[in-house]
Amino acid sequence: MADVREIFERMQDHYRPGVLTAPRTYYFSVGDHKYTVKLTPTACTVEPGRTLDKADVVLKTTPALFEKMVVKGKMPGPLDIARGRIKTNDPAALKQLRDLFVP
Protein backbone atom coordinates (compact mmCIF):
# COMPACT_ATOMS: atom_id res chain seq x y z
CA MET A 1 0.00 0.00 0.00
CA ALA A 2 1.24 3.50 -0.85
CA ASP A 3 2.03 5.92 1.95
CA VAL A 4 -0.71 8.57 2.30
CA ARG A 5 1.82 11.35 2.88
CA GLU A 6 3.67 10.39 -0.33
CA ILE A 7 0.43 10.42 -2.32
CA PHE A 8 -0.23 14.00 -1.23
CA GLU A 9 3.39 15.01 -1.91
CA ARG A 10 3.07 13.75 -5.50
CA MET A 11 -0.35 15.30 -6.20
CA GLN A 12 1.04 18.55 -7.62
CA ASP A 13 3.15 16.64 -10.15
CA HIS A 14 0.17 14.55 -11.28
CA TYR A 15 -2.36 17.38 -11.59
CA ARG A 16 -4.01 17.81 -15.00
CA PRO A 17 -4.32 21.55 -15.74
CA GLY A 18 -7.29 22.57 -17.84
CA VAL A 19 -9.80 20.03 -16.51
CA LEU A 20 -11.38 22.44 -14.02
CA THR A 21 -12.89 25.70 -15.22
CA ALA A 22 -13.18 27.29 -11.76
CA PRO A 23 -11.24 26.99 -8.47
CA ARG A 24 -12.16 24.14 -6.12
CA THR A 25 -10.93 23.19 -2.66
CA TYR A 26 -10.79 19.73 -1.10
CA TYR A 27 -10.28 18.81 2.53
CA PHE A 28 -9.07 15.25 3.06
CA SER A 29 -9.16 13.36 6.33
CA VAL A 30 -7.49 10.03 5.55
CA GLY A 31 -6.93 8.04 8.72
CA ASP A 32 -4.64 10.25 10.81
CA HIS A 33 -3.62 12.38 7.81
CA LYS A 34 -5.29 15.76 7.18
CA TYR A 35 -4.66 17.82 4.03
CA THR A 36 -6.16 20.75 2.17
CA VAL A 37 -5.85 20.71 -1.62
CA LYS A 38 -6.53 23.91 -3.56
CA LEU A 39 -7.11 23.53 -7.28
CA THR A 40 -7.38 26.16 -9.99
CA PRO A 41 -7.69 25.59 -13.73
CA THR A 42 -3.88 25.84 -13.95
CA ALA A 43 -2.40 24.71 -10.60
CA CYS A 44 -2.62 22.42 -7.59
CA THR A 45 -1.48 23.38 -4.10
CA VAL A 46 -1.31 20.82 -1.30
CA GLU A 47 -1.17 22.04 2.30
CA PRO A 48 -0.85 19.88 5.42
CA GLY A 49 -3.73 20.22 7.87
CA ARG A 50 -6.98 22.10 7.57
CA THR A 51 -6.04 25.51 6.20
CA LEU A 52 -9.49 26.91 5.44
CA ASP A 53 -12.79 27.11 7.27
CA LYS A 54 -14.93 25.50 4.57
CA ALA A 55 -13.80 23.38 1.64
CA ASP A 56 -15.94 22.81 -1.44
CA VAL A 57 -15.47 19.05 -1.10
CA VAL A 58 -14.78 17.12 2.11
CA LEU A 59 -13.61 13.50 2.07
CA LYS A 60 -13.14 11.29 5.10
CA THR A 61 -11.98 7.74 4.46
CA THR A 62 -9.43 5.04 5.21
CA PRO A 63 -5.93 5.00 3.72
CA ALA A 64 -6.76 1.84 1.74
CA LEU A 65 -9.84 3.36 0.07
CA PHE A 66 -8.00 6.64 -0.55
CA GLU A 67 -5.20 4.79 -2.35
CA LYS A 68 -7.73 2.95 -4.53
CA MET A 69 -9.37 6.24 -5.46
CA VAL A 70 -6.32 8.39 -6.12
CA VAL A 71 -3.64 5.95 -7.23
CA LYS A 72 -5.76 3.31 -8.97
CA GLY A 73 -8.68 5.50 -10.13
CA LYS A 74 -11.34 3.25 -8.58
CA MET A 75 -14.27 5.07 -7.09
CA PRO A 76 -16.09 3.86 -3.99
CA GLY A 77 -19.37 2.08 -4.45
CA PRO A 78 -22.71 2.78 -2.78
CA LEU A 79 -21.96 0.15 -0.12
CA ASP A 80 -18.76 1.97 0.90
CA ILE A 81 -20.78 5.12 1.47
CA ALA A 82 -23.69 3.29 3.14
CA ARG A 83 -21.34 1.46 5.52
CA GLY A 84 -19.54 4.68 6.45
CA ARG A 85 -16.18 3.71 4.93
CA ILE A 86 -16.24 6.97 3.06
CA LYS A 87 -17.96 10.25 3.89
CA THR A 88 -18.29 13.23 1.58
CA ASN A 89 -20.43 16.32 1.18
CA ASP A 90 -20.29 16.23 -2.65
CA PRO A 91 -20.26 12.80 -4.33
CA ALA A 92 -20.27 14.29 -7.86
CA ALA A 93 -17.15 16.42 -7.25
CA LEU A 94 -15.52 13.48 -5.52
CA LYS A 95 -16.16 11.33 -8.58
CA GLN A 96 -14.42 13.95 -10.75
CA LEU A 97 -11.29 13.61 -8.59
CA ARG A 98 -9.95 10.78 -10.75
CA ASP A 99 -10.16 13.02 -13.85
CA LEU A 100 -8.09 15.75 -12.20
CA PHE A 101 -4.94 13.69 -11.73
CA VAL A 102 -2.84 11.52 -14.03
CA PRO A 103 -2.18 8.10 -12.42
C-alpha atoms as a PDB file:
ATOM      1  CA  MET A   1       0.000   0.000   0.000  1.00  0.00           C
ATOM      2  CA  ALA A   2       1.239   3.498  -0.853  1.00  0.00           C
ATOM      3  CA  ASP A   3       2.034   5.924   1.952  1.00  0.00           C
ATOM      4  CA  VAL A   4      -0.713   8.566   2.302  1.00  0.00           C
ATOM      5  CA  ARG A   5       1.824  11.354   2.878  1.00  0.00           C
ATOM      6  CA  GLU A   6       3.674  10.385  -0.325  1.00  0.00           C
ATOM      7  CA  ILE A   7       0.430  10.415  -2.321  1.00  0.00           C
ATOM      8  CA  PHE A   8      -0.228  14.005  -1.233  1.00  0.00           C
ATOM      9  CA  GLU A   9       3.393  15.013  -1.913  1.00  0.00           C
ATOM     10  CA  ARG A  10       3.073  13.745  -5.504  1.00  0.00           C
ATOM     11  CA  MET A  11      -0.354  15.299  -6.199  1.00  0.00           C
ATOM     12  CA  GLN A  12       1.037  18.545  -7.618  1.00  0.00           C
ATOM     13  CA  ASP A  13       3.149  16.637 -10.149  1.00  0.00           C
ATOM     14  CA  HIS A  14       0.172  14.553 -11.284  1.00  0.00           C
ATOM     15  CA  TYR A  15      -2.364  17.384 -11.586  1.00  0.00           C
ATOM     16  CA  ARG A  16      -4.008  17.812 -15.002  1.00  0.00           C
ATOM     17  CA  PRO A  17      -4.324  21.550 -15.745  1.00  0.00           C
ATOM     18  CA  GLY A  18      -7.292  22.568 -17.841  1.00  0.00           C
ATOM     19  CA  VAL A  19      -9.798  20.029 -16.509  1.00  0.00           C
ATOM     20  CA  LEU A  20     -11.380  22.441 -14.018  1.00  0.00           C
ATOM     21  CA  THR A  21     -12.891  25.699 -15.220  1.00  0.00           C
ATOM     22  CA  ALA A  22     -13.175  27.287 -11.757  1.00  0.00           C
ATOM     23  CA  PRO A  23     -11.240  26.991  -8.473  1.00  0.00           C
ATOM     24  CA  ARG A  24     -12.158  24.140  -6.120  1.00  0.00           C
ATOM     25  CA  THR A  25     -10.930  23.188  -2.658  1.00  0.00           C
ATOM     26  CA  TYR A  26     -10.789  19.734  -1.103  1.00  0.00           C
ATOM     27  CA  TYR A  27     -10.276  18.812   2.527  1.00  0.00           C
ATOM     28  CA  PHE A  28      -9.074  15.248   3.063  1.00  0.00           C
ATOM     29  CA  SER A  29      -9.157  13.357   6.331  1.00  0.00           C
ATOM     30  CA  VAL A  30      -7.487  10.030   5.553  1.00  0.00           C
ATOM     31  CA  GLY A  31      -6.934   8.043   8.721  1.00  0.00           C
ATOM     32  CA  ASP A  32      -4.644  10.251  10.812  1.00  0.00           C
ATOM     33  CA  HIS A  33      -3.623  12.383   7.812  1.00  0.00           C
ATOM     34  CA  LYS A  34      -5.286  15.762   7.175  1.00  0.00           C
ATOM     35  CA  TYR A  35      -4.662  17.825   4.031  1.00  0.00           C
ATOM     36  CA  THR A  36      -6.158  20.752   2.166  1.00  0.00           C
ATOM     37  CA  VAL A  37      -5.854  20.715  -1.624  1.00  0.00           C
ATOM     38  CA  LYS A  38      -6.532  23.905  -3.557  1.00  0.00           C
ATOM     39  CA  LEU A  39      -7.107  23.526  -7.285  1.00  0.00           C
ATOM     40  CA  THR A  40      -7.381  26.156  -9.986  1.00  0.00           C
ATOM     41  CA  PRO A  41      -7.692  25.593 -13.729  1.00  0.00           C
ATOM     42  CA  THR A  42      -3.880  25.838 -13.947  1.00  0.00           C
ATOM     43  CA  ALA A  43      -2.397  24.711 -10.601  1.00  0.00           C
ATOM     44  CA  CYS A  44      -2.622  22.418  -7.587  1.00  0.00           C
ATOM     45  CA  THR A  45      -1.484  23.384  -4.097  1.00  0.00           C
ATOM     46  CA  VAL A  46      -1.306  20.820  -1.297  1.00  0.00           C
ATOM     47  CA  GLU A  47      -1.170  22.041   2.304  1.00  0.00           C
ATOM     48  CA  PRO A  48      -0.848  19.882   5.419  1.00  0.00           C
ATOM     49  CA  GLY A  49      -3.728  20.217   7.870  1.00  0.00           C
ATOM     50  CA  ARG A  50      -6.984  22.100   7.569  1.00  0.00           C
ATOM     51  CA  THR A  51      -6.043  25.507   6.197  1.00  0.00           C
ATOM     52  CA  LEU A  52      -9.490  26.907   5.440  1.00  0.00           C
ATOM     53  CA  ASP A  53     -12.791  27.113   7.267  1.00  0.00           C
ATOM     54  CA  LYS A  54     -14.926  25.501   4.568  1.00  0.00           C
ATOM     55  CA  ALA A  55     -13.802  23.380   1.638  1.00  0.00           C
ATOM     56  CA  ASP A  56     -15.943  22.807  -1.436  1.00  0.00           C
ATOM     57  CA  VAL A  57     -15.470  19.051  -1.099  1.00  0.00           C
ATOM     58  CA  VAL A  58     -14.779  17.118   2.106  1.00  0.00           C
ATOM     59  CA  LEU A  59     -13.613  13.505   2.066  1.00  0.00           C
ATOM     60  CA  LYS A  60     -13.141  11.289   5.096  1.00  0.00           C
ATOM     61  CA  THR A  61     -11.980   7.735   4.455  1.00  0.00           C
ATOM     62  CA  THR A  62      -9.430   5.038   5.208  1.00  0.00           C
ATOM     63  CA  PRO A  63      -5.928   5.003   3.723  1.00  0.00           C
ATOM     64  CA  ALA A  64      -6.757   1.840   1.736  1.00  0.00           C
ATOM     65  CA  LEU A  65      -9.837   3.363   0.066  1.00  0.00           C
ATOM     66  CA  PHE A  66      -8.000   6.636  -0.547  1.00  0.00           C
ATOM     67  CA  GLU A  67      -5.202   4.787  -2.354  1.00  0.00           C
ATOM     68  CA  LYS A  68      -7.730   2.950  -4.531  1.00  0.00           C
ATOM     69  CA  MET A  69      -9.367   6.243  -5.456  1.00  0.00           C
ATOM     70  CA  VAL A  70      -6.323   8.394  -6.120  1.00  0.00           C
ATOM     71  CA  VAL A  71      -3.638   5.954  -7.230  1.00  0.00           C
ATOM     72  CA  LYS A  72      -5.755   3.313  -8.970  1.00  0.00           C
ATOM     73  CA  GLY A  73      -8.675   5.497 -10.133  1.00  0.00           C
ATOM     74  CA  LYS A  74     -11.339   3.251  -8.585  1.00  0.00           C
ATOM     75  CA  MET A  75     -14.268   5.067  -7.092  1.00  0.00           C
ATOM     76  CA  PRO A  76     -16.093   3.859  -3.985  1.00  0.00           C
ATOM     77  CA  GLY A  77     -19.374   2.084  -4.447  1.00  0.00           C
ATOM     78  CA  PRO A  78     -22.705   2.782  -2.777  1.00  0.00           C
ATOM     79  CA  LEU A  79     -21.958   0.149  -0.120  1.00  0.00           C
ATOM     80  CA  ASP A  80     -18.760   1.966   0.897  1.00  0.00           C
ATOM     81  CA  ILE A  81     -20.783   5.124   1.474  1.00  0.00           C
ATOM     82  CA  ALA A  82     -23.690   3.289   3.138  1.00  0.00           C
ATOM     83  CA  ARG A  83     -21.343   1.462   5.518  1.00  0.00           C
ATOM     84  CA  GLY A  84     -19.544   4.680   6.447  1.00  0.00           C
ATOM     85  CA  ARG A  85     -16.179   3.707   4.930  1.00  0.00           C
ATOM     86  CA  ILE A  86     -16.243   6.969   3.057  1.00  0.00           C
ATOM     87  CA  LYS A  87     -17.956  10.252   3.892  1.00  0.00           C
ATOM     88  CA  THR A  88     -18.294  13.231   1.583  1.00  0.00           C
ATOM     89  CA  ASN A  89     -20.426  16.319   1.176  1.00  0.00           C
ATOM     90  CA  ASP A  90     -20.293  16.232  -2.647  1.00  0.00           C
ATOM     91  CA  PRO A  91     -20.258  12.796  -4.330  1.00  0.00           C
ATOM     92  CA  ALA A  92     -20.270  14.294  -7.856  1.00  0.00           C
ATOM     93  CA  ALA A  93     -17.154  16.422  -7.251  1.00  0.00           C
ATOM     94  CA  LEU A  94     -15.522  13.484  -5.522  1.00  0.00           C
ATOM     95  CA  LYS A  95     -16.162  11.335  -8.583  1.00  0.00           C
ATOM     96  CA  GLN A  96     -14.424  13.947 -10.752  1.00  0.00           C
ATOM     97  CA  LEU A  97     -11.291  13.607  -8.586  1.00  0.00           C
ATOM     98  CA  ARG A  98      -9.946  10.777 -10.753  1.00  0.00           C
ATOM     99  CA  ASP A  99     -10.162  13.016 -13.850  1.00  0.00           C
ATOM    100  CA  LEU A 100      -8.092  15.747 -12.205  1.00  0.00           C
ATOM    101  CA  PHE A 101      -4.940  13.694 -11.726  1.00  0.00           C
ATOM    102  CA  VAL A 102      -2.837  11.524 -14.028  1.00  0.00           C
ATOM    103  CA  PRO A 103      -2.184   8.105 -12.421  1.00  0.00           C
END
